[in-house]
Amino acid sequence: GEHHAEHPGTSHPVRRARACEDVTRAHCALDLRFARSRATMSMVFGVVFAKKSVVVSSDSFTRVDATSWTLDLGANLGSEGYIGCKDVCLFMPSTGLLDDNSALCMYIQAGNSPWSYCGCVANAKPSDVFALRWPVDDNGAPFATAAIGISVEPLAATLEKESVLVQHKETFAKRVAEDLFRFMQSFQTGGDAQHMVVPTNILDRWFDKFINKFRRDPGFIDRPRLDAA
């Protein structure tokens, strides 16, 4: 049957209907700005995958509704192609396309995973670069399909999402430190719990091991350890 792309911020039909009902007059005015912009320029936003692409114009996206777009990466790049996209720049060619109370948000999705928020741009910050952390299956393999979602949302609504991103970075840093500590513990042979004697090149050895594992499976650091307390 015919496939309809979903709004990146709302995956359930009821939530999607409610989201449409909640579109503000500012969003309606925004859609008129987009319509006028298309009469004078072809691009209302663009993305660039670092080291992987030239500018991908909004015209290359599928417009889902008045304020959201999707780009099917799996169909264009395949799983081996999209998984190599590690960083993406989202930008607006002009600051006149959004009102000051709106933001242009980016999401990613792979397989049947939920849409994951990456970040946003607004008039005060018309461009930004986001790290792409693609979901993988239970075996650590990339899904065959992946997509980028762009959604216009109230700027105030992005504050909580940005806070979650900061918390995730803090958690990531903590888990990296824990990985280093466990590696150092593996060299502990004595019974003194207050002191640890390790090789002088411990950091180099750990970093090489960590990077090799991270390249094979970028998501390993986010998964909880089975032996964790």
C-alpha atoms as a PDB file:
ATOM      1  CA  GLY A   1       0.000   0.000   0.000  1.00  0.00           C
ATOM      2  CA  GLU A   2       0.935   3.636  -0.145  1.00  0.00           C
ATOM      3  CA  HIS A   3       3.347   4.705   2.597  1.00  0.00           C
ATOM      4  CA  HIS A   4       2.822   8.008   4.399  1.00  0.00           C
ATOM      5  CA  ALA A   5       5.709   9.534   6.328  1.00  0.00           C
ATOM      6  CA  GLU A   6       4.979  10.396   9.941  1.00  0.00           C
ATOM      7  CA  HIS A   7       5.567  13.685  11.673  1.00  0.00           C
ATOM      8  CA  PRO A   8       8.975  13.343  13.380  1.00  0.00           C
ATOM      9  CA  GLY A   9       7.657  14.697  16.661  1.00  0.00           C
ATOM     10  CA  THR A  10       4.444  12.632  16.843  1.00  0.00           C
ATOM     11  CA  SER A  11       4.350   8.922  15.973  1.00  0.00           C
ATOM     12  CA  HIS A  12       0.817   8.025  17.175  1.00  0.00           C
ATOM     13  CA  PRO A  13      -2.246   9.012  15.038  1.00  0.00           C
ATOM     14  CA  VAL A  14      -4.112  10.481  18.021  1.00  0.00           C
ATOM     15  CA  ARG A  15      -1.093  12.465  19.177  1.00  0.00           C
ATOM     16  CA  ARG A  16      -0.534  13.542  15.606  1.00  0.00           C
ATOM     17  CA  ALA A  17      -4.136  14.805  15.353  1.00  0.00           C
ATOM     18  CA  ARG A  18      -3.806  16.670  18.639  1.00  0.00           C
ATOM     19  CA  ALA A  19      -0.557  18.205  17.458  1.00  0.00           C
ATOM     20  CA  CYS A  20      -2.322  19.514  14.359  1.00  0.00           C
ATOM     21  CA  GLU A  21      -5.048  21.014  16.551  1.00  0.00           C
ATOM     22  CA  ASP A  22      -2.394  22.739  18.646  1.00  0.00           C
ATOM     23  CA  VAL A  23      -0.774  24.545  15.711  1.00  0.00           C
ATOM     24  CA  THR A  24      -0.716  28.214  16.675  1.00  0.00           C
ATOM     25  CA  ARG A  25      -1.442  31.278  14.587  1.00  0.00           C
ATOM     26  CA  ALA A  26       2.298  31.886  14.589  1.00  0.00           C
ATOM     27  CA  HIS A  27       2.795  28.575  12.806  1.00  0.00           C
ATOM     28  CA  CYS A  28       0.132  29.525  10.255  1.00  0.00           C
ATOM     29  CA  ALA A  29       1.945  32.789   9.637  1.00  0.00           C
ATOM     30  CA  LEU A  30       5.168  30.812   9.443  1.00  0.00           C
ATOM     31  CA  ASP A  31       3.709  28.575   6.746  1.00  0.00           C
ATOM     32  CA  LEU A  32       2.794  31.674   4.759  1.00  0.00           C
ATOM     33  CA  ARG A  33       6.397  32.841   5.102  1.00  0.00           C
ATOM     34  CA  PHE A  34       7.550  29.489   3.735  1.00  0.00           C
ATOM     35  CA  ALA A  35       5.079  29.749   0.862  1.00  0.00           C
ATOM     36  CA  ARG A  36       6.297  33.245  -0.003  1.00  0.00           C
ATOM     37  CA  SER A  37       9.898  32.130   0.321  1.00  0.00           C
ATOM     38  CA  ARG A  38       9.371  29.425  -2.285  1.00  0.00           C
ATOM     39  CA  ALA A  39       8.332  32.096  -4.754  1.00  0.00           C
ATOM     40  CA  THR A  40      11.705  33.817  -4.348  1.00  0.00           C
ATOM     41  CA  MET A  41      14.086  31.010  -3.373  1.00  0.00           C
ATOM     42  CA  SER A  42      14.054  27.221  -3.512  1.00  0.00           C
ATOM     43  CA  MET A  43      15.576  26.474  -0.095  1.00  0.00           C
ATOM     44  CA  VAL A  44      13.912  27.230   3.237  1.00  0.00           C
ATOM     45  CA  PHE A  45      16.524  25.220   5.165  1.00  0.00           C
ATOM     46  CA  GLY A  46      19.432  22.970   4.343  1.00  0.00           C
ATOM     47  CA  VAL A  47      21.561  20.227   5.831  1.00  0.00           C
ATOM     48  CA  VAL A  48      25.142  19.156   5.188  1.00  0.00           C
ATOM     49  CA  PHE A  49      26.491  15.791   6.324  1.00  0.00           C
ATOM     50  CA  ALA A  50      30.099  16.491   7.311  1.00  0.00           C
ATOM     51  CA  LYS A  51      32.575  14.904   4.870  1.00  0.00           C
ATOM     52  CA  LYS A  52      29.702  13.009   3.205  1.00  0.00           C
ATOM     53  CA  SER A  53      27.591  15.468   1.220  1.00  0.00           C
ATOM     54  CA  VAL A  54      27.151  18.865  -0.330  1.00  0.00           C
ATOM     55  CA  VAL A  55      24.175  20.983   0.749  1.00  0.00           C
ATOM     56  CA  VAL A  56      20.936  18.988   0.820  1.00  0.00           C
ATOM     57  CA  SER A  57      18.149  21.503   0.221  1.00  0.00           C
ATOM     58  CA  SER A  58      14.732  21.363   1.852  1.00  0.00           C
ATOM     59  CA  ASP A  59      13.411  20.651  -1.650  1.00  0.00           C
ATOM     60  CA  SER A  60      14.984  17.188  -1.362  1.00  0.00           C
ATOM     61  CA  PHE A  61      12.875  16.443   1.730  1.00  0.00           C
ATOM     62  CA  THR A  62       9.335  15.056   1.702  1.00  0.00           C
ATOM     63  CA  ARG A  63       6.957  17.608   3.166  1.00  0.00           C
ATOM     64  CA  VAL A  64       4.749  15.748   5.652  1.00  0.00           C
ATOM     65  CA  ASP A  65       2.553  18.670   6.666  1.00  0.00           C
ATOM     66  CA  ALA A  66       2.704  22.442   7.051  1.00  0.00           C
ATOM     67  CA  THR A  67       5.552  22.361   9.562  1.00  0.00           C
ATOM     68  CA  SER A  68       7.461  19.100   9.140  1.00  0.00           C
ATOM     69  CA  TRP A  69       9.677  17.343   6.583  1.00  0.00           C
ATOM     70  CA  THR A  70      11.472  13.996   6.334  1.00  0.00           C
ATOM     71  CA  LEU A  71      14.456  12.744   4.341  1.00  0.00           C
ATOM     72  CA  ASP A  72      14.826   8.999   3.690  1.00  0.00           C
ATOM     73  CA  LEU A  73      18.533   8.255   4.083  1.00  0.00           C
ATOM     74  CA  GLY A  74      18.315   4.480   3.836  1.00  0.00           C
ATOM     75  CA  ALA A  75      16.747   4.675   0.370  1.00  0.00           C
ATOM     76  CA  ASN A  76      19.433   7.049  -0.877  1.00  0.00           C
ATOM     77  CA  LEU A  77      22.541   5.844   0.954  1.00  0.00           C
ATOM     78  CA  GLY A  78      21.764   2.358   2.268  1.00  0.00           C
ATOM     79  CA  SER A  79      22.668   1.206   5.778  1.00  0.00           C
ATOM     80  CA  GLU A  80      26.394   1.287   5.042  1.00  0.00           C
ATOM     81  CA  GLY A  81      26.073   4.841   3.756  1.00  0.00           C
ATOM     82  CA  TYR A  82      23.979   6.543   6.402  1.00  0.00           C
ATOM     83  CA  ILE A  83      25.791   4.924   9.341  1.00  0.00           C
ATOM     84  CA  GLY A  84      28.929   6.769   8.204  1.00  0.00           C
ATOM     85  CA  CYS A  85      27.185  10.132   8.629  1.00  0.00           C
ATOM     86  CA  LYS A  86      28.475  11.156  12.062  1.00  0.00           C
ATOM     87  CA  ASP A  87      27.823  14.908  12.092  1.00  0.00           C
ATOM     88  CA  VAL A  88      25.271  17.110  10.363  1.00  0.00           C
ATOM     89  CA  CYS A  89      24.878  20.863  10.015  1.00  0.00           C
ATOM     90  CA  LEU A  90      21.357  22.282   9.967  1.00  0.00           C
ATOM     91  CA  PHE A  91      21.019  25.868   8.782  1.00  0.00           C
ATOM     92  CA  MET A  92      18.557  28.462   7.544  1.00  0.00           C
ATOM     93  CA  PRO A  93      19.603  30.532   4.512  1.00  0.00           C
ATOM     94  CA  SER A  94      17.774  33.536   5.958  1.00  0.00           C
ATOM     95  CA  THR A  95      16.679  34.594   9.437  1.00  0.00           C
ATOM     96  CA  GLY A  96      13.384  35.922   8.069  1.00  0.00           C
ATOM     97  CA  LEU A  97      11.737  32.511   7.752  1.00  0.00           C
ATOM     98  CA  LEU A  98      11.008  31.971  11.456  1.00  0.00           C
ATOM     99  CA  ASP A  99       9.390  34.243  14.006  1.00  0.00           C
ATOM    100  CA  ASP A 100      11.355  34.802  17.196  1.00  0.00           C
ATOM    101  CA  ASN A 101       9.179  32.352  19.139  1.00  0.00           C
ATOM    102  CA  SER A 102       9.761  29.372  16.837  1.00  0.00           C
ATOM    103  CA  ALA A 103      12.585  26.916  16.229  1.00  0.00           C
ATOM    104  CA  LEU A 104      13.505  24.450  13.507  1.00  0.00           C
ATOM    105  CA  CYS A 105      14.162  21.092  15.199  1.00  0.00           C
ATOM    106  CA  MET A 106      16.009  18.051  13.863  1.00  0.00           C
ATOM    107  CA  TYR A 107      15.255  14.404  14.666  1.00  0.00           C
ATOM    108  CA  ILE A 108      16.704  11.094  13.487  1.00  0.00           C
ATOM    109  CA  GLN A 109      15.144   7.661  13.209  1.00  0.00           C
ATOM    110  CA  ALA A 110      16.469   4.230  12.207  1.00  0.00           C
ATOM    111  CA  GLY A 111      14.375   1.114  11.698  1.00  0.00           C
ATOM    112  CA  ASN A 112      11.345   1.170  13.997  1.00  0.00           C
ATOM    113  CA  SER A 113      13.063   3.231  16.680  1.00  0.00           C
ATOM    114  CA  PRO A 114      11.293   6.360  17.957  1.00  0.00           C
ATOM    115  CA  TRP A 115      12.325   9.753  16.624  1.00  0.00           C
ATOM    116  CA  SER A 116      15.335  11.049  18.563  1.00  0.00           C
ATOM    117  CA  TYR A 117      15.857  14.785  19.055  1.00  0.00           C
ATOM    118  CA  CYS A 118      19.223  16.149  17.876  1.00  0.00           C
ATOM    119  CA  GLY A 119      18.940  19.909  18.348  1.00  0.00           C
ATOM    120  CA  CYS A 120      17.443  23.039  16.852  1.00  0.00           C
ATOM    121  CA  VAL A 121      18.176  26.328  15.130  1.00  0.00           C
ATOM    122  CA  ALA A 122      16.361  29.642  15.477  1.00  0.00           C
ATOM    123  CA  ASN A 123      16.765  33.288  14.529  1.00  0.00           C
ATOM    124  CA  ALA A 124      19.263  33.812  17.346  1.00  0.00           C
ATOM    125  CA  LYS A 125      21.194  30.704  16.206  1.00  0.00           C
ATOM    126  CA  PRO A 126      20.496  30.160  12.481  1.00  0.00           C
ATOM    127  CA  SER A 127      22.897  27.220  12.134  1.00  0.00           C
ATOM    128  CA  ASP A 128      24.366  24.472  14.282  1.00  0.00           C
ATOM    129  CA  VAL A 129      26.200  21.141  14.032  1.00  0.00           C
ATOM    130  CA  PHE A 130      24.783  18.016  15.686  1.00  0.00           C
ATOM    131  CA  ALA A 131      26.377  14.635  16.372  1.00  0.00           C
ATOM    132  CA  LEU A 132      24.384  11.746  14.906  1.00  0.00           C
ATOM    133  CA  ARG A 133      24.045   8.720  17.172  1.00  0.00           C
ATOM    134  CA  TRP A 134      22.209   6.159  15.039  1.00  0.00           C
ATOM    135  CA  PRO A 135      20.238   3.420  16.818  1.00  0.00           C
ATOM    136  CA  VAL A 136      21.364  -0.151  16.072  1.00  0.00           C
ATOM    137  CA  ASP A 137      19.659  -3.514  16.460  1.00  0.00           C
ATOM    138  CA  ASP A 138      20.240  -5.958  19.323  1.00  0.00           C
ATOM    139  CA  ASN A 139      23.288  -7.353  17.529  1.00  0.00           C
ATOM    140  CA  GLY A 140      24.854  -3.921  17.102  1.00  0.00           C
ATOM    141  CA  ALA A 141      24.139  -3.847  13.358  1.00  0.00           C
ATOM    142  CA  PRO A 142      22.667  -0.788  11.593  1.00  0.00           C
ATOM    143  CA  PHE A 143      19.056  -0.859  10.475  1.00  0.00           C
ATOM    144  CA  ALA A 144      18.339  -0.932   6.741  1.00  0.00           C
ATOM    145  CA  THR A 145      16.260   2.253   6.903  1.00  0.00           C
ATOM    146  CA  ALA A 146      16.963   5.650   8.431  1.00  0.00           C
ATOM    147  CA  ALA A 147      15.503   9.121   8.174  1.00  0.00           C
ATOM    148  CA  ILE A 148      16.061  12.738   9.149  1.00  0.00           C
ATOM    149  CA  GLY A 149      13.073  14.713  10.389  1.00  0.00           C
ATOM    150  CA  ILE A 150      12.731  18.495  10.505  1.00  0.00           C
ATOM    151  CA  SER A 151       9.918  20.096  12.487  1.00  0.00           C
ATOM    152  CA  VAL A 152       8.899  23.678  13.279  1.00  0.00           C
ATOM    153  CA  GLU A 153       8.071  23.924  16.976  1.00  0.00           C
ATOM    154  CA  PRO A 154       7.575  26.634  19.604  1.00  0.00           C
ATOM    155  CA  LEU A 155      10.967  27.766  20.876  1.00  0.00           C
ATOM    156  CA  ALA A 156       9.853  27.392  24.505  1.00  0.00           C
ATOM    157  CA  ALA A 157       9.033  23.714  23.911  1.00  0.00           C
ATOM    158  CA  THR A 158      12.629  22.988  22.907  1.00  0.00           C
ATOM    159  CA  LEU A 159      14.062  24.010  26.293  1.00  0.00           C
ATOM    160  CA  GLU A 160      13.190  20.691  27.952  1.00  0.00           C
ATOM    161  CA  LYS A 161      14.588  18.751  24.983  1.00  0.00           C
ATOM    162  CA  GLU A 162      17.828  20.731  25.166  1.00  0.00           C
ATOM    163  CA  SER A 163      18.040  19.959  28.890  1.00  0.00           C
ATOM    164  CA  VAL A 164      17.739  16.227  28.143  1.00  0.00           C
ATOM    165  CA  LEU A 165      20.608  16.537  25.646  1.00  0.00           C
ATOM    166  CA  VAL A 166      22.824  18.133  28.307  1.00  0.00           C
ATOM    167  CA  GLN A 167      21.966  15.352  30.761  1.00  0.00           C
ATOM    168  CA  HIS A 168      22.821  12.750  28.129  1.00  0.00           C
ATOM    169  CA  LYS A 169      26.244  14.327  27.579  1.00  0.00           C
ATOM    170  CA  GLU A 170      26.891  14.291  31.322  1.00  0.00           C
ATOM    171  CA  THR A 171      25.882  10.625  31.497  1.00  0.00           C
ATOM    172  CA  PHE A 172      28.104   9.829  28.519  1.00  0.00           C
ATOM    173  CA  ALA A 173      31.100  11.514  30.182  1.00  0.00           C
ATOM    174  CA  LYS A 174      30.458   9.581  33.403  1.00  0.00           C
ATOM    175  CA  ARG A 175      30.314   6.251  31.571  1.00  0.00           C
ATOM    176  CA  VAL A 176      33.557   6.982  29.729  1.00  0.00           C
ATOM    177  CA  ALA A 177      35.222   7.690  33.081  1.00  0.00           C
ATOM    178  CA  GLU A 178      33.778   4.458  34.489  1.00  0.00           C
ATOM    179  CA  ASP A 179      35.133   2.528  31.510  1.00  0.00           C
ATOM    180  CA  LEU A 180      38.613   3.928  32.188  1.00  0.00           C
ATOM    181  CA  PHE A 181      38.362   3.073  35.885  1.00  0.00           C
ATOM    182  CA  ARG A 182      37.349  -0.533  35.160  1.00  0.00           C
ATOM    183  CA  PHE A 183      40.278  -0.861  32.756  1.00  0.00           C
ATOM    184  CA  MET A 184      42.654   0.416  35.429  1.00  0.00           C
ATOM    185  CA  GLN A 185      41.155  -1.981  37.971  1.00  0.00           C
ATOM    186  CA  SER A 186      42.027  -4.913  35.709  1.00  0.00           C
ATOM    187  CA  PHE A 187      45.708  -4.284  36.522  1.00  0.00           C
ATOM    188  CA  GLN A 188      45.158  -4.296  40.275  1.00  0.00           C
ATOM    189  CA  THR A 189      46.751  -7.354  41.845  1.00  0.00           C
ATOM    190  CA  GLY A 190      47.334  -6.296  45.455  1.00  0.00           C
ATOM    191  CA  GLY A 191      44.906  -6.190  48.316  1.00  0.00           C
ATOM    192  CA  ASP A 192      45.199  -2.456  49.018  1.00  0.00           C
ATOM    193  CA  ALA A 193      41.829  -0.979  48.073  1.00  0.00           C
ATOM    194  CA  GLN A 194      43.029   2.583  48.707  1.00  0.00           C
ATOM    195  CA  HIS A 195      45.869   2.551  46.173  1.00  0.00           C
ATOM    196  CA  MET A 196      46.223   1.372  42.620  1.00  0.00           C
ATOM    197  CA  VAL A 197      49.440   0.556  40.754  1.00  0.00           C
ATOM    198  CA  VAL A 198      49.071   0.699  36.953  1.00  0.00           C
ATOM    199  CA  PRO A 199      51.441   0.787  33.944  1.00  0.00           C
ATOM    200  CA  THR A 200      52.740   4.207  32.962  1.00  0.00           C
ATOM    201  CA  ASN A 201      51.131   3.908  29.515  1.00  0.00           C
ATOM    202  CA  ILE A 202      47.727   3.026  30.943  1.00  0.00           C
ATOM    203  CA  LEU A 203      45.922   5.954  29.301  1.00  0.00           C
ATOM    204  CA  ASP A 204      47.289   5.189  25.832  1.00  0.00           C
ATOM    205  CA  ARG A 205      46.374   1.524  26.151  1.00  0.00           C
ATOM    206  CA  TRP A 206      42.878   2.299  27.400  1.00  0.00           C
ATOM    207  CA  PHE A 207      42.255   4.947  24.740  1.00  0.00           C
ATOM    208  CA  ASP A 208      43.302   2.625  21.908  1.00  0.00           C
ATOM    209  CA  LYS A 209      40.999  -0.085  23.223  1.00  0.00           C
ATOM    210  CA  PHE A 210      38.124   2.355  23.777  1.00  0.00           C
ATOM    211  CA  ILE A 211      38.384   3.936  20.316  1.00  0.00           C
ATOM    212  CA  ASN A 212      38.537   0.573  18.557  1.00  0.00           C
ATOM    213  CA  LYS A 213      35.429  -0.591  20.385  1.00  0.00           C
ATOM    214  CA  PHE A 214      33.651   2.723  19.816  1.00  0.00           C
ATOM    215  CA  ARG A 215      34.305   2.554  16.076  1.00  0.00           C
ATOM    216  CA  ARG A 216      32.846  -0.941  15.911  1.00  0.00           C
ATOM    217  CA  ASP A 217      29.841  -0.133  18.092  1.00  0.00           C
ATOM    218  CA  PRO A 218      29.266   3.568  18.907  1.00  0.00           C
ATOM    219  CA  GLY A 219      26.282   2.715  21.091  1.00  0.00           C
ATOM    220  CA  PHE A 220      28.075   0.374  23.493  1.00  0.00           C
ATOM    221  CA  ILE A 221      28.781   3.129  26.000  1.00  0.00           C
ATOM    222  CA  ASP A 222      25.066   3.956  26.291  1.00  0.00           C
ATOM    223  CA  ARG A 223      23.934   0.429  27.059  1.00  0.00           C
ATOM    224  CA  PRO A 224      23.745  -0.494  30.758  1.00  0.00           C
ATOM    225  CA  ARG A 225      26.211  -3.129  31.920  1.00  0.00           C
ATOM    226  CA  LEU A 226      24.682  -6.444  32.955  1.00  0.00           C
ATOM    227  CA  ASP A 227      27.040  -6.619  35.923  1.00  0.00           C
ATOM    228  CA  ALA A 228      26.297  -3.057  37.050  1.00  0.00           C
ATOM    229  CA  ALA A 229      25.077  -2.683  40.573  1.00  0.00           C
END
